[in-house]
Structure formats: structure tokens, C-alpha cells
Amino acid sequence: TVNPHHGGEPVLTNINGKAYRAAVMAFEHVWGKTPIPSYEGASIPIAALLQRQVSPELVFLGFGLDSDAIHSPDEHFRVDHFTKGLETVIAFYQEFGKP
């Protein structure tokens, strides 16, 4: 028996939008690699609402690895990914703010 407890609507990021292009540029600048778009599952129920109400160009920036085991007893996150993540967010805002 499956008893649903909660959930959220799905969200799909526009990979042709300004926000996604800015994210790609930021990742290339900081990490030296081009990100590969992928369909991923996540439990961020507010994402669909934000996309409808605030911005149709919602984009998520991730800096962890599958091996980080997020939400598990041995969860961890590399310090260098944390600092590079901060640099990437700064680069994203700089790129996104360009006319």
C-alpha cells in the first residue's frame, strides 16, 4: 500500500533561457567544464510556485556529487566544492546581470 504524504508539481528548466545560459557561463568560468543538462528528481515543492509567480526562468545550481550521500548517515560535502560553489553563484549573478 502506498500512502502519499506530500508532493510538489514538476518543474522543467528552459535551457534556452538567459538564466540557464548564465549558469553555463558561470560553471565554465569557475569549474572549467560545460555542464550537461539532465532530468533530475528533487523534493523542492516550492519550485513550481516560484517558477509561476516569480520567474519562468528558474534554474538550480548544484555543487555536490552523488557520492556525497546527501540526507544519509554518512553525508558529507567537500570544502572545495563549497568554495567553488560560492564562486559560481557570484559568476552567475555577474553573467545574469549583463544586458
C-alpha atoms as a PDB file:
ATOM      1  CA  THR A   1       0.000   0.000   0.000  1.00  0.00           C
ATOM      2  CA  VAL A   2       1.293   3.429  -0.924  1.00  0.00           C
ATOM      3  CA  ASN A   3       0.108   6.385   1.135  1.00  0.00           C
ATOM      4  CA  PRO A   4       1.181   9.709  -0.362  1.00  0.00           C
ATOM      5  CA  HIS A   5       2.111  12.215   2.321  1.00  0.00           C
ATOM      6  CA  HIS A   6       3.060  15.289   0.341  1.00  0.00           C
ATOM      7  CA  GLY A   7       4.454  16.291  -3.002  1.00  0.00           C
ATOM      8  CA  GLY A   8       5.128  19.067  -5.410  1.00  0.00           C
ATOM      9  CA  GLU A   9       4.475  19.823  -9.026  1.00  0.00           C
ATOM     10  CA  PRO A  10       7.262  19.124 -11.530  1.00  0.00           C
ATOM     11  CA  VAL A  11       9.461  21.893 -12.921  1.00  0.00           C
ATOM     12  CA  LEU A  12      11.391  21.941 -16.173  1.00  0.00           C
ATOM     13  CA  THR A  13      14.170  24.480 -16.700  1.00  0.00           C
ATOM     14  CA  ASN A  14      14.322  26.268 -20.044  1.00  0.00           C
ATOM     15  CA  ILE A  15      17.808  25.510 -21.380  1.00  0.00           C
ATOM     16  CA  ASN A  16      17.420  28.255 -23.994  1.00  0.00           C
ATOM     17  CA  GLY A  17      16.742  30.995 -21.444  1.00  0.00           C
ATOM     18  CA  LYS A  18      19.022  33.720 -20.137  1.00  0.00           C
ATOM     19  CA  ALA A  19      19.274  32.174 -16.648  1.00  0.00           C
ATOM     20  CA  TYR A  20      20.422  28.805 -17.945  1.00  0.00           C
ATOM     21  CA  ARG A  21      22.935  30.392 -20.321  1.00  0.00           C
ATOM     22  CA  ALA A  22      24.281  32.475 -17.412  1.00  0.00           C
ATOM     23  CA  ALA A  23      24.600  29.311 -15.306  1.00  0.00           C
ATOM     24  CA  VAL A  24      26.529  27.549 -18.078  1.00  0.00           C
ATOM     25  CA  MET A  25      28.906  30.503 -18.408  1.00  0.00           C
ATOM     26  CA  ALA A  26      29.414  30.600 -14.619  1.00  0.00           C
ATOM     27  CA  PHE A  27      30.211  26.882 -14.425  1.00  0.00           C
ATOM     28  CA  GLU A  28      32.591  27.117 -17.372  1.00  0.00           C
ATOM     29  CA  HIS A  29      34.360  30.100 -15.790  1.00  0.00           C
ATOM     30  CA  VAL A  30      34.782  28.583 -12.318  1.00  0.00           C
ATOM     31  CA  TRP A  31      34.977  24.826 -12.945  1.00  0.00           C
ATOM     32  CA  GLY A  32      36.466  24.878 -16.454  1.00  0.00           C
ATOM     33  CA  LYS A  33      33.806  22.480 -17.705  1.00  0.00           C
ATOM     34  CA  THR A  34      30.498  22.776 -19.541  1.00  0.00           C
ATOM     35  CA  PRO A  35      27.598  21.376 -17.508  1.00  0.00           C
ATOM     36  CA  ILE A  36      25.431  18.712 -19.093  1.00  0.00           C
ATOM     37  CA  PRO A  37      21.682  19.280 -18.680  1.00  0.00           C
ATOM     38  CA  SER A  38      19.899  16.314 -17.144  1.00  0.00           C
ATOM     39  CA  TYR A  39      16.500  15.393 -15.819  1.00  0.00           C
ATOM     40  CA  GLU A  40      16.859  15.054 -12.063  1.00  0.00           C
ATOM     41  CA  GLY A  41      14.415  14.419  -9.289  1.00  0.00           C
ATOM     42  CA  ALA A  42      14.375  16.536  -6.175  1.00  0.00           C
ATOM     43  CA  SER A  43      11.950  17.405  -3.428  1.00  0.00           C
ATOM     44  CA  ILE A  44      11.668  21.155  -3.585  1.00  0.00           C
ATOM     45  CA  PRO A  45       7.896  21.635  -3.631  1.00  0.00           C
ATOM     46  CA  ILE A  46       8.097  25.440  -3.765  1.00  0.00           C
ATOM     47  CA  ALA A  47       9.980  25.341  -7.092  1.00  0.00           C
ATOM     48  CA  ALA A  48       6.831  25.195  -9.247  1.00  0.00           C
ATOM     49  CA  LEU A  49       5.285  28.103  -7.340  1.00  0.00           C
ATOM     50  CA  LEU A  50       8.457  30.181  -7.728  1.00  0.00           C
ATOM     51  CA  GLN A  51       8.535  29.405 -11.434  1.00  0.00           C
ATOM     52  CA  ARG A  52       4.900  30.508 -11.854  1.00  0.00           C
ATOM     53  CA  GLN A  53       4.933  33.551  -9.577  1.00  0.00           C
ATOM     54  CA  VAL A  54       8.471  34.927  -9.649  1.00  0.00           C
ATOM     55  CA  SER A  55      10.380  33.827 -12.709  1.00  0.00           C
ATOM     56  CA  PRO A  56       9.709  31.468 -15.615  1.00  0.00           C
ATOM     57  CA  GLU A  57      13.498  31.026 -15.810  1.00  0.00           C
ATOM     58  CA  LEU A  58      14.072  29.014 -12.668  1.00  0.00           C
ATOM     59  CA  VAL A  59      17.496  27.358 -12.614  1.00  0.00           C
ATOM     60  CA  PHE A  60      19.114  25.212  -9.930  1.00  0.00           C
ATOM     61  CA  LEU A  61      22.871  25.223  -9.415  1.00  0.00           C
ATOM     62  CA  GLY A  62      24.287  22.067  -7.849  1.00  0.00           C
ATOM     63  CA  PHE A  63      27.782  21.616  -6.460  1.00  0.00           C
ATOM     64  CA  GLY A  64      27.637  18.198  -4.835  1.00  0.00           C
ATOM     65  CA  LEU A  65      28.433  14.735  -6.073  1.00  0.00           C
ATOM     66  CA  ASP A  66      26.318  11.594  -5.955  1.00  0.00           C
ATOM     67  CA  SER A  67      28.952  10.169  -3.618  1.00  0.00           C
ATOM     68  CA  ASP A  68      28.193  12.918  -1.064  1.00  0.00           C
ATOM     69  CA  ALA A  69      25.299  10.712   0.102  1.00  0.00           C
ATOM     70  CA  ILE A  70      23.080  13.691   0.906  1.00  0.00           C
ATOM     71  CA  HIS A  71      20.486  13.017   3.645  1.00  0.00           C
ATOM     72  CA  SER A  72      22.165   9.779   4.683  1.00  0.00           C
ATOM     73  CA  PRO A  73      24.005   8.920   7.921  1.00  0.00           C
ATOM     74  CA  ASP A  74      27.405   9.381   6.226  1.00  0.00           C
ATOM     75  CA  GLU A  75      26.502  12.597   4.418  1.00  0.00           C
ATOM     76  CA  HIS A  76      29.429  14.845   3.518  1.00  0.00           C
ATOM     77  CA  PHE A  77      30.259  17.778   1.259  1.00  0.00           C
ATOM     78  CA  ARG A  78      33.735  18.749   0.089  1.00  0.00           C
ATOM     79  CA  VAL A  79      35.010  22.131   1.280  1.00  0.00           C
ATOM     80  CA  ASP A  80      36.485  22.924  -2.135  1.00  0.00           C
ATOM     81  CA  HIS A  81      33.062  22.323  -3.717  1.00  0.00           C
ATOM     82  CA  PHE A  82      31.566  24.716  -1.172  1.00  0.00           C
ATOM     83  CA  THR A  83      34.032  27.496  -2.021  1.00  0.00           C
ATOM     84  CA  LYS A  84      33.806  26.867  -5.777  1.00  0.00           C
ATOM     85  CA  GLY A  85      30.032  26.860  -5.394  1.00  0.00           C
ATOM     86  CA  LEU A  86      30.180  30.337  -3.875  1.00  0.00           C
ATOM     87  CA  GLU A  87      32.398  31.496  -6.748  1.00  0.00           C
ATOM     88  CA  THR A  88      29.935  30.001  -9.229  1.00  0.00           C
ATOM     89  CA  VAL A  89      26.975  31.818  -7.687  1.00  0.00           C
ATOM     90  CA  ILE A  90      28.895  35.112  -7.896  1.00  0.00           C
ATOM     91  CA  ALA A  91      29.831  34.417 -11.534  1.00  0.00           C
ATOM     92  CA  PHE A  92      26.192  33.510 -12.270  1.00  0.00           C
ATOM     93  CA  TYR A  93      24.908  36.839 -10.911  1.00  0.00           C
ATOM     94  CA  GLN A  94      27.573  38.755 -12.818  1.00  0.00           C
ATOM     95  CA  GLU A  95      26.664  36.986 -16.062  1.00  0.00           C
ATOM     96  CA  PHE A  96      22.906  37.124 -15.491  1.00  0.00           C
ATOM     97  CA  GLY A  97      23.115  40.869 -14.761  1.00  0.00           C
ATOM     98  CA  LYS A  98      24.569  41.660 -18.173  1.00  0.00           C
ATOM     99  CA  PRO A  99      22.148  43.297 -20.624  1.00  0.00           C
END
